[in-house]
Amino acid sequence: MDSNIDFSNYTLHELQSSAKAIDRELYPERAKLIDELIQQKQQEPEYKESEVVAGEMASRGHRFAAAIVDLLIVLIVFIPYFIYYGFEKIEEDTLEIIVTSFLYGALSTLIIHGYLLYTYGQTVGKYYMGIRIENLDGTQASFSKIFFQRILPMQLISLVPVVGQYLSGVINPLFIFGKQQRCLHDYIAKTKVSYVDIDNQTSA
């Protein structure tokens, strides 16, 4: 190990990673220095404001950011669908459009988010924000629960004429402003969204 490492220039995340990786028996003084620097960093205003703890409920801001990432992905994925049918036909809301849009959406969800949902309980947006979908007891929600109880019901509700899009696109996310910070789909599936230990996830 390089004896000239300047840990004072490390970020909090880098220090925490070093604290986990260092051989404390072989380098006790260096380990102590890293621990002290971590404590100092955690006291700095910018870290105090942004510090998150694995297992705590995800903030509304982080959930919103994750949702924006996922929404952008959906818009990009649906471009071929829009091109194939054309906006005029899509606006007709025929049975064909309802069925094909539902199947296209469900299939694209599985292709894009399937691995992350199954492995980590995360969509792409949640993965990058360091948050995941959990059961109310804090354990990772299973893929079947996330897809069949959390995602699918909202997709089906959105197909209801007149009120479907309003319920899934407006009422559903507004629930997050409640005391428990859970969307309507969280109540339906009995789930919550919490911060995850990024280091453990990365090494998994």
Protein backbone atom coordinates (compact mmCIF):
# COMPACT_ATOMS: atom_id res chain seq x y z
CA MET A 1 0.00 0.00 0.00
CA ASP A 2 1.31 3.43 -0.94
CA SER A 3 2.59 5.23 2.17
CA ASN A 4 2.17 8.65 0.54
CA ILE A 5 -1.59 8.60 0.06
CA ASP A 6 -3.17 11.95 0.97
CA PHE A 7 -6.55 10.93 2.37
CA SER A 8 -7.43 14.56 3.15
CA ASN A 9 -8.37 15.04 -0.51
CA TYR A 10 -10.74 12.07 -0.52
CA THR A 11 -14.50 12.51 -0.69
CA LEU A 12 -16.66 11.09 2.08
CA HIS A 13 -17.66 8.15 -0.12
CA GLU A 14 -14.01 7.40 -0.98
CA LEU A 15 -13.04 7.56 2.70
CA GLN A 16 -15.83 5.19 3.66
CA SER A 17 -14.75 2.76 0.95
CA SER A 18 -11.14 2.98 2.16
CA ALA A 19 -12.25 2.38 5.75
CA LYS A 20 -13.90 -0.86 4.70
CA ALA A 21 -11.02 -2.04 2.52
CA ILE A 22 -8.02 -1.22 4.72
CA ASP A 23 -6.27 -3.92 6.77
CA ARG A 24 -6.70 -2.41 10.25
CA GLU A 25 -4.25 -4.76 11.92
CA LEU A 26 -1.51 -4.02 9.44
CA TYR A 27 -2.18 -0.26 9.18
CA PRO A 28 -3.78 0.79 12.51
CA GLU A 29 -2.61 4.43 12.35
CA ARG A 30 -3.81 4.86 8.79
CA ALA A 31 -7.18 3.31 9.68
CA LYS A 32 -7.49 5.70 12.62
CA LEU A 33 -6.69 8.66 10.36
CA ILE A 34 -9.36 7.60 7.87
CA ASP A 35 -11.94 7.24 10.66
CA GLU A 36 -11.11 10.72 11.94
CA LEU A 37 -11.39 12.21 8.45
CA ILE A 38 -14.77 10.53 7.98
CA GLN A 39 -16.04 12.11 11.20
CA GLN A 40 -14.72 15.50 10.11
CA LYS A 41 -16.36 15.21 6.68
CA GLN A 42 -19.68 14.21 8.21
CA GLN A 43 -19.67 17.39 10.27
CA GLU A 44 -19.26 19.61 7.21
CA PRO A 45 -22.51 21.40 6.19
CA GLU A 46 -22.65 20.04 2.64
CA TYR A 47 -22.37 16.46 3.92
CA LYS A 48 -24.78 16.97 6.78
CA GLU A 49 -27.43 18.16 4.37
CA SER A 50 -26.88 15.40 1.82
CA GLU A 51 -26.03 12.49 4.10
CA VAL A 52 -28.26 9.48 3.66
CA VAL A 53 -28.49 6.33 5.73
CA ALA A 54 -29.19 2.89 4.27
CA GLY A 55 -32.63 1.71 5.33
CA GLU A 56 -34.09 5.18 5.83
CA MET A 57 -37.05 6.26 3.73
CA ALA A 58 -35.94 7.89 0.47
CA SER A 59 -36.59 11.61 0.24
CA ARG A 60 -39.26 12.95 -2.07
CA GLY A 61 -36.54 14.72 -4.05
CA HIS A 62 -34.57 11.55 -4.72
CA ARG A 63 -37.71 9.62 -5.64
CA PHE A 64 -38.73 12.42 -8.00
CA ALA A 65 -35.29 12.42 -9.65
CA ALA A 66 -35.47 8.64 -10.11
CA ALA A 67 -38.96 8.98 -11.61
CA ILE A 68 -37.74 11.60 -14.09
CA VAL A 69 -34.95 9.28 -15.27
CA ASP A 70 -37.42 6.42 -15.72
CA LEU A 71 -39.90 8.71 -17.50
CA LEU A 72 -37.27 9.83 -19.99
CA ILE A 73 -36.44 6.19 -20.68
CA VAL A 74 -40.13 5.43 -21.29
CA LEU A 75 -40.46 8.34 -23.73
CA ILE A 76 -37.42 7.18 -25.69
CA VAL A 77 -38.56 3.54 -25.74
CA PHE A 78 -42.02 4.51 -27.03
CA ILE A 79 -40.66 6.46 -30.01
CA PRO A 80 -40.82 3.40 -32.35
CA TYR A 81 -44.40 2.76 -31.17
CA PHE A 82 -45.41 6.36 -31.92
CA ILE A 83 -43.75 6.19 -35.33
CA TYR A 84 -45.42 2.89 -36.21
CA TYR A 85 -48.99 3.89 -35.30
CA GLY A 86 -48.82 7.67 -35.69
CA PHE A 87 -50.20 10.18 -33.21
CA GLU A 88 -53.58 10.46 -34.92
CA LYS A 89 -54.35 6.76 -34.56
CA ILE A 90 -53.05 6.67 -31.00
CA GLU A 91 -55.43 9.49 -30.05
CA GLU A 92 -58.37 7.41 -31.29
CA ASP A 93 -57.98 5.15 -28.25
CA THR A 94 -59.21 2.04 -30.04
CA LEU A 95 -59.08 -1.45 -28.51
CA GLU A 96 -56.03 -2.19 -30.64
CA ILE A 97 -54.19 0.86 -29.29
CA ILE A 98 -55.15 0.07 -25.69
CA VAL A 99 -54.00 -3.55 -25.92
CA THR A 100 -50.81 -2.94 -27.91
CA SER A 101 -49.70 0.03 -25.79
CA PHE A 102 -50.23 -2.00 -22.62
CA LEU A 103 -48.28 -4.98 -23.95
CA TYR A 104 -45.54 -2.75 -25.37
CA GLY A 105 -45.19 -0.95 -22.06
CA ALA A 106 -45.14 -4.12 -19.97
CA LEU A 107 -42.60 -5.83 -22.25
CA SER A 108 -40.31 -2.80 -22.39
CA THR A 109 -40.45 -2.54 -18.58
CA LEU A 110 -39.29 -6.13 -18.28
CA ILE A 111 -36.51 -5.68 -20.82
CA ILE A 112 -35.14 -2.40 -19.43
CA HIS A 113 -35.72 -2.78 -15.70
CA GLY A 114 -36.16 -6.55 -15.32
CA TYR A 115 -32.63 -7.43 -14.21
CA LEU A 116 -32.37 -4.56 -11.73
CA LEU A 117 -35.84 -5.20 -10.33
CA TYR A 118 -35.09 -8.89 -9.83
CA THR A 119 -31.58 -8.42 -8.43
CA TYR A 120 -31.80 -5.18 -6.46
CA GLY A 121 -35.46 -4.13 -6.33
CA GLN A 122 -34.64 -1.07 -8.44
CA THR A 123 -35.51 0.58 -11.72
CA VAL A 124 -32.74 2.29 -13.67
CA GLY A 125 -33.63 5.63 -12.06
CA LYS A 126 -33.68 4.18 -8.56
CA TYR A 127 -30.36 2.43 -9.17
CA TYR A 128 -28.63 5.70 -9.98
CA MET A 129 -30.25 7.45 -7.00
CA GLY A 130 -29.21 4.71 -4.58
CA ILE A 131 -32.74 3.78 -3.53
CA ARG A 132 -34.74 0.58 -3.79
CA ILE A 133 -38.24 -0.85 -3.36
CA GLU A 134 -38.70 -2.64 -0.05
CA ASN A 135 -41.33 -4.50 1.90
CA LEU A 136 -42.65 -2.66 4.95
CA ASP A 137 -40.32 -4.72 7.16
CA GLY A 138 -37.26 -3.32 5.35
CA THR A 139 -36.44 -6.39 3.27
CA GLN A 140 -36.00 -6.12 -0.49
CA ALA A 141 -39.29 -6.54 -2.33
CA SER A 142 -39.42 -9.52 -4.68
CA PHE A 143 -39.63 -9.11 -8.45
CA SER A 144 -43.10 -10.70 -8.57
CA LYS A 145 -44.41 -8.30 -5.93
CA ILE A 146 -42.93 -5.25 -7.64
CA PHE A 147 -44.19 -6.18 -11.09
CA PHE A 148 -47.57 -7.75 -10.37
CA GLN A 149 -48.63 -5.70 -7.35
CA ARG A 150 -46.88 -2.39 -7.89
CA ILE A 151 -46.30 -1.78 -11.60
CA LEU A 152 -49.05 -3.77 -13.32
CA PRO A 153 -52.00 -2.31 -11.33
CA MET A 154 -50.98 1.25 -12.27
CA GLN A 155 -50.60 0.29 -15.93
CA LEU A 156 -54.05 -1.28 -15.91
CA ILE A 157 -55.59 1.70 -14.13
CA SER A 158 -54.10 4.03 -16.75
CA LEU A 159 -56.14 2.20 -19.42
CA VAL A 160 -59.47 3.16 -17.82
CA PRO A 161 -61.14 5.72 -20.12
CA VAL A 162 -61.27 9.36 -18.97
CA VAL A 163 -60.02 8.92 -15.38
CA GLY A 164 -57.29 6.28 -15.80
CA GLN A 165 -54.45 8.60 -16.77
CA TYR A 166 -55.50 11.07 -14.06
CA LEU A 167 -55.46 8.41 -11.35
CA SER A 168 -52.13 6.84 -12.35
CA GLY A 169 -50.34 10.00 -13.45
CA VAL A 170 -51.60 12.58 -10.93
CA ILE A 171 -53.30 11.03 -7.89
CA ASN A 172 -50.78 8.19 -7.60
CA PRO A 173 -47.64 10.39 -7.17
CA LEU A 174 -49.49 12.97 -5.04
CA PHE A 175 -49.79 10.37 -2.28
CA ILE A 176 -46.06 10.82 -1.64
CA PHE A 177 -46.79 14.13 0.07
CA GLY A 178 -48.53 12.23 2.85
CA LYS A 179 -46.88 11.58 6.21
CA GLN A 180 -45.52 8.16 5.14
CA GLN A 181 -44.04 9.47 1.87
CA ARG A 182 -45.51 6.57 -0.11
CA CYS A 183 -47.22 6.72 -3.50
CA LEU A 184 -50.55 5.06 -4.18
CA HIS A 185 -48.81 2.08 -5.79
CA ASP A 186 -46.81 1.64 -2.56
CA TYR A 187 -50.03 1.32 -0.58
CA ILE A 188 -51.46 -1.14 -3.10
CA ALA A 189 -48.34 -3.35 -3.01
CA LYS A 190 -47.54 -2.67 0.67
CA THR A 191 -44.07 -1.40 -0.20
CA LYS A 192 -41.86 1.59 0.53
CA VAL A 193 -38.75 3.10 -1.06
CA SER A 194 -35.58 3.40 1.02
CA TYR A 195 -31.90 4.18 0.65
CA VAL A 196 -29.61 1.26 -0.05
CA ASP A 197 -26.01 0.54 0.96
CA ILE A 198 -24.30 1.44 -2.32
CA ASP A 199 -21.01 -0.20 -1.38
CA ASN A 200 -22.63 -3.56 -0.61
CA GLN A 201 -24.74 -3.32 -3.76
CA THR A 202 -21.74 -2.60 -5.95
CA SER A 203 -19.76 -5.52 -4.54
CA ALA A 204 -22.71 -7.93 -4.76
